[in-house]
Every structure is written in C-alpha cells, then in structure tokens.
Amino acid sequence: MSDAPAGVSSSFMAFLQQAPGHASAWMGAVKGLDEASALDKKTEELAYIAVLAAMRMESGVPFHVASAKAAGATREEVISAILVGLPAAGQGVVASLPAALSAYDSE
C-alpha cells in the first residue's frame, strides 16, 4: 500500500481499498459533518488532532497535522492541540507528539 497519499496510514488505505462501499459511506458522513461545522478549517483540524491524541489514535495524526498546517496552523498550535487533553485524558496524549512533529517538520 505504498501508493498512500502523504500522511495517510496503511490501515486507513486498507479500509479504502478493501471495503470501498463502507469507505464511501464513511467518507460521505465525514464530508457532511465537515460541511455542517461552524469551525474554520484550521480550528477544526486542531480540534481533531486533540481528539486523536486523547483517543491515542496516532496513525491519523500525520494526515491531520498536514491539513492543519495547510490551513495555517503553527508548530506551536499543533503541540498545544495535542497537549490540551493532558488534564482530562492523561499523559497518553504525549505519544502523539513524535508523529505530529515529524509530519509538521516534513512538509
């Protein structure tokens, strides 16, 4: 699955390629939720990064960091988005920092 777009995890690529019907339904829901959001793109991506970190879903971090950066997020904002969940979610959020910083710095 080396044809994955930058930042897209191999597990998500497997989902897209091996379950196209489910993936299409999922992406339709994602698009609808994105269109319904009152948040600007940068804020939405930073919030999503915070959720990924809190849920310990590091595989999604690189893609969303790249999207946040493209929307104007600074490196410090990405770090803050990851660490905002520290009081509620605990120290586990720091596991997302290496992937986030690598993705940010590689763009």
C-alpha atoms as a PDB file:
ATOM      1  CA  MET A   1       0.000   0.000   0.000  1.00  0.00           C
ATOM      2  CA  SER A   2       2.859   2.301  -0.856  1.00  0.00           C
ATOM      3  CA  ASP A   3       0.589   4.434  -3.060  1.00  0.00           C
ATOM      4  CA  ALA A   4      -0.915   6.096   0.012  1.00  0.00           C
ATOM      5  CA  PRO A   5      -1.129   9.888  -0.055  1.00  0.00           C
ATOM      6  CA  ALA A   6       1.220  11.637   2.370  1.00  0.00           C
ATOM      7  CA  GLY A   7       0.179  11.122   5.971  1.00  0.00           C
ATOM      8  CA  VAL A   8      -2.497   8.505   5.268  1.00  0.00           C
ATOM      9  CA  SER A   9      -1.903   5.399   7.381  1.00  0.00           C
ATOM     10  CA  SER A  10      -1.642   1.955   5.848  1.00  0.00           C
ATOM     11  CA  SER A  11      -4.627   0.847   7.929  1.00  0.00           C
ATOM     12  CA  PHE A  12      -6.838   3.614   6.500  1.00  0.00           C
ATOM     13  CA  MET A  13      -5.604   2.815   2.985  1.00  0.00           C
ATOM     14  CA  ALA A  14      -6.538  -0.835   3.558  1.00  0.00           C
ATOM     15  CA  PHE A  15     -10.009   0.309   4.623  1.00  0.00           C
ATOM     16  CA  LEU A  16     -10.381   2.442   1.490  1.00  0.00           C
ATOM     17  CA  GLN A  17      -9.127  -0.276  -0.842  1.00  0.00           C
ATOM     18  CA  GLN A  18     -10.616  -3.401   0.718  1.00  0.00           C
ATOM     19  CA  ALA A  19     -14.005  -2.066   1.789  1.00  0.00           C
ATOM     20  CA  PRO A  20     -14.865   0.580  -0.828  1.00  0.00           C
ATOM     21  CA  GLY A  21     -18.596   0.558  -0.104  1.00  0.00           C
ATOM     22  CA  HIS A  22     -18.091   1.122   3.600  1.00  0.00           C
ATOM     23  CA  ALA A  23     -15.359   3.665   2.909  1.00  0.00           C
ATOM     24  CA  SER A  24     -17.639   5.597   0.570  1.00  0.00           C
ATOM     25  CA  ALA A  25     -20.388   5.679   3.185  1.00  0.00           C
ATOM     26  CA  TRP A  26     -17.902   6.756   5.855  1.00  0.00           C
ATOM     27  CA  MET A  27     -16.396   9.494   3.705  1.00  0.00           C
ATOM     28  CA  GLY A  28     -19.895  10.766   2.876  1.00  0.00           C
ATOM     29  CA  ALA A  29     -20.611  11.123   6.582  1.00  0.00           C
ATOM     30  CA  VAL A  30     -17.256  12.836   7.142  1.00  0.00           C
ATOM     31  CA  LYS A  31     -17.985  15.288   4.321  1.00  0.00           C
ATOM     32  CA  GLY A  32     -21.444  16.042   5.722  1.00  0.00           C
ATOM     33  CA  LEU A  33     -20.075  16.656   9.210  1.00  0.00           C
ATOM     34  CA  ASP A  34     -17.362  18.905   7.784  1.00  0.00           C
ATOM     35  CA  GLU A  35     -19.951  20.946   5.878  1.00  0.00           C
ATOM     36  CA  ALA A  36     -22.132  21.276   8.997  1.00  0.00           C
ATOM     37  CA  SER A  37     -19.276  22.523  11.190  1.00  0.00           C
ATOM     38  CA  ALA A  38     -19.232  26.158  12.253  1.00  0.00           C
ATOM     39  CA  LEU A  39     -15.465  25.938  12.805  1.00  0.00           C
ATOM     40  CA  ASP A  40     -12.942  27.274  10.340  1.00  0.00           C
ATOM     41  CA  LYS A  41     -10.677  24.625   8.769  1.00  0.00           C
ATOM     42  CA  LYS A  42      -7.623  25.355  10.952  1.00  0.00           C
ATOM     43  CA  THR A  43      -9.612  25.221  14.198  1.00  0.00           C
ATOM     44  CA  GLU A  44     -11.422  22.072  13.119  1.00  0.00           C
ATOM     45  CA  GLU A  45      -8.150  20.290  12.270  1.00  0.00           C
ATOM     46  CA  LEU A  46      -6.533  21.358  15.563  1.00  0.00           C
ATOM     47  CA  ALA A  47      -9.572  20.125  17.490  1.00  0.00           C
ATOM     48  CA  TYR A  48      -9.470  16.838  15.604  1.00  0.00           C
ATOM     49  CA  ILE A  49      -5.771  16.429  16.380  1.00  0.00           C
ATOM     50  CA  ALA A  50      -6.622  16.917  20.072  1.00  0.00           C
ATOM     51  CA  VAL A  51      -9.259  14.187  19.834  1.00  0.00           C
ATOM     52  CA  LEU A  52      -6.876  11.824  18.037  1.00  0.00           C
ATOM     53  CA  ALA A  53      -4.270  12.364  20.750  1.00  0.00           C
ATOM     54  CA  ALA A  54      -6.794  11.827  23.547  1.00  0.00           C
ATOM     55  CA  MET A  55      -8.043   8.644  21.870  1.00  0.00           C
ATOM     56  CA  ARG A  56      -4.433   7.527  21.256  1.00  0.00           C
ATOM     57  CA  MET A  57      -5.056   7.204  17.539  1.00  0.00           C
ATOM     58  CA  GLU A  58      -1.557   8.219  16.449  1.00  0.00           C
ATOM     59  CA  SER A  59      -1.966   6.739  12.961  1.00  0.00           C
ATOM     60  CA  GLY A  60      -4.313   9.585  11.970  1.00  0.00           C
ATOM     61  CA  VAL A  61      -2.116  12.348  13.344  1.00  0.00           C
ATOM     62  CA  PRO A  62       0.244  12.902  10.370  1.00  0.00           C
ATOM     63  CA  PHE A  63      -2.584  13.430   7.866  1.00  0.00           C
ATOM     64  CA  HIS A  64      -4.432  15.886  10.089  1.00  0.00           C
ATOM     65  CA  VAL A  65      -1.266  17.745  11.071  1.00  0.00           C
ATOM     66  CA  ALA A  66      -0.527  18.275   7.379  1.00  0.00           C
ATOM     67  CA  SER A  67      -4.098  19.528   6.889  1.00  0.00           C
ATOM     68  CA  ALA A  68      -3.818  21.849   9.883  1.00  0.00           C
ATOM     69  CA  LYS A  69      -0.510  23.210   8.634  1.00  0.00           C
ATOM     70  CA  ALA A  70      -2.001  23.790   5.170  1.00  0.00           C
ATOM     71  CA  ALA A  71      -4.807  25.721   6.886  1.00  0.00           C
ATOM     72  CA  GLY A  72      -2.265  27.964   8.629  1.00  0.00           C
ATOM     73  CA  ALA A  73      -1.583  26.216  11.948  1.00  0.00           C
ATOM     74  CA  THR A  74       1.801  26.836  13.511  1.00  0.00           C
ATOM     75  CA  ARG A  75       4.009  24.135  15.016  1.00  0.00           C
ATOM     76  CA  GLU A  76       3.227  25.544  18.473  1.00  0.00           C
ATOM     77  CA  GLU A  77      -0.528  25.359  17.820  1.00  0.00           C
ATOM     78  CA  VAL A  78      -0.196  21.697  16.842  1.00  0.00           C
ATOM     79  CA  ILE A  79       1.753  20.960  20.023  1.00  0.00           C
ATOM     80  CA  SER A  80      -0.852  22.820  22.088  1.00  0.00           C
ATOM     81  CA  ALA A  81      -3.694  20.941  20.388  1.00  0.00           C
ATOM     82  CA  ILE A  82      -2.121  17.631  21.384  1.00  0.00           C
ATOM     83  CA  LEU A  83      -1.421  18.716  24.945  1.00  0.00           C
ATOM     84  CA  VAL A  84      -4.792  20.405  25.583  1.00  0.00           C
ATOM     85  CA  GLY A  85      -6.177  16.983  26.547  1.00  0.00           C
ATOM     86  CA  LEU A  86      -3.451  16.291  29.091  1.00  0.00           C
ATOM     87  CA  PRO A  87      -5.540  17.135  32.202  1.00  0.00           C
ATOM     88  CA  ALA A  88      -8.559  15.081  31.104  1.00  0.00           C
ATOM     89  CA  ALA A  89      -7.021  12.279  29.040  1.00  0.00           C
ATOM     90  CA  GLY A  90      -3.713  11.935  30.840  1.00  0.00           C
ATOM     91  CA  GLN A  91      -0.116  11.512  29.822  1.00  0.00           C
ATOM     92  CA  GLY A  92      -1.020   9.218  26.933  1.00  0.00           C
ATOM     93  CA  VAL A  93      -1.579  12.246  24.701  1.00  0.00           C
ATOM     94  CA  VAL A  94       2.189  12.812  24.545  1.00  0.00           C
ATOM     95  CA  ALA A  95       2.503   9.629  22.455  1.00  0.00           C
ATOM     96  CA  SER A  96       1.171  11.653  19.511  1.00  0.00           C
ATOM     97  CA  LEU A  97       3.884  14.293  19.698  1.00  0.00           C
ATOM     98  CA  PRO A  98       6.606  12.460  17.705  1.00  0.00           C
ATOM     99  CA  ALA A  99       4.282  11.689  14.769  1.00  0.00           C
ATOM    100  CA  ALA A 100       2.849  15.201  14.830  1.00  0.00           C
ATOM    101  CA  LEU A 101       6.197  16.958  14.891  1.00  0.00           C
ATOM    102  CA  SER A 102       7.640  14.687  12.226  1.00  0.00           C
ATOM    103  CA  ALA A 103       4.656  15.379   9.964  1.00  0.00           C
ATOM    104  CA  TYR A 104       4.800  19.118  10.606  1.00  0.00           C
ATOM    105  CA  ASP A 105       8.534  19.376  10.017  1.00  0.00           C
ATOM    106  CA  SER A 106       8.499  17.246   6.865  1.00  0.00           C
ATOM    107  CA  GLU A 107       6.082  19.466   4.962  1.00  0.00           C
END
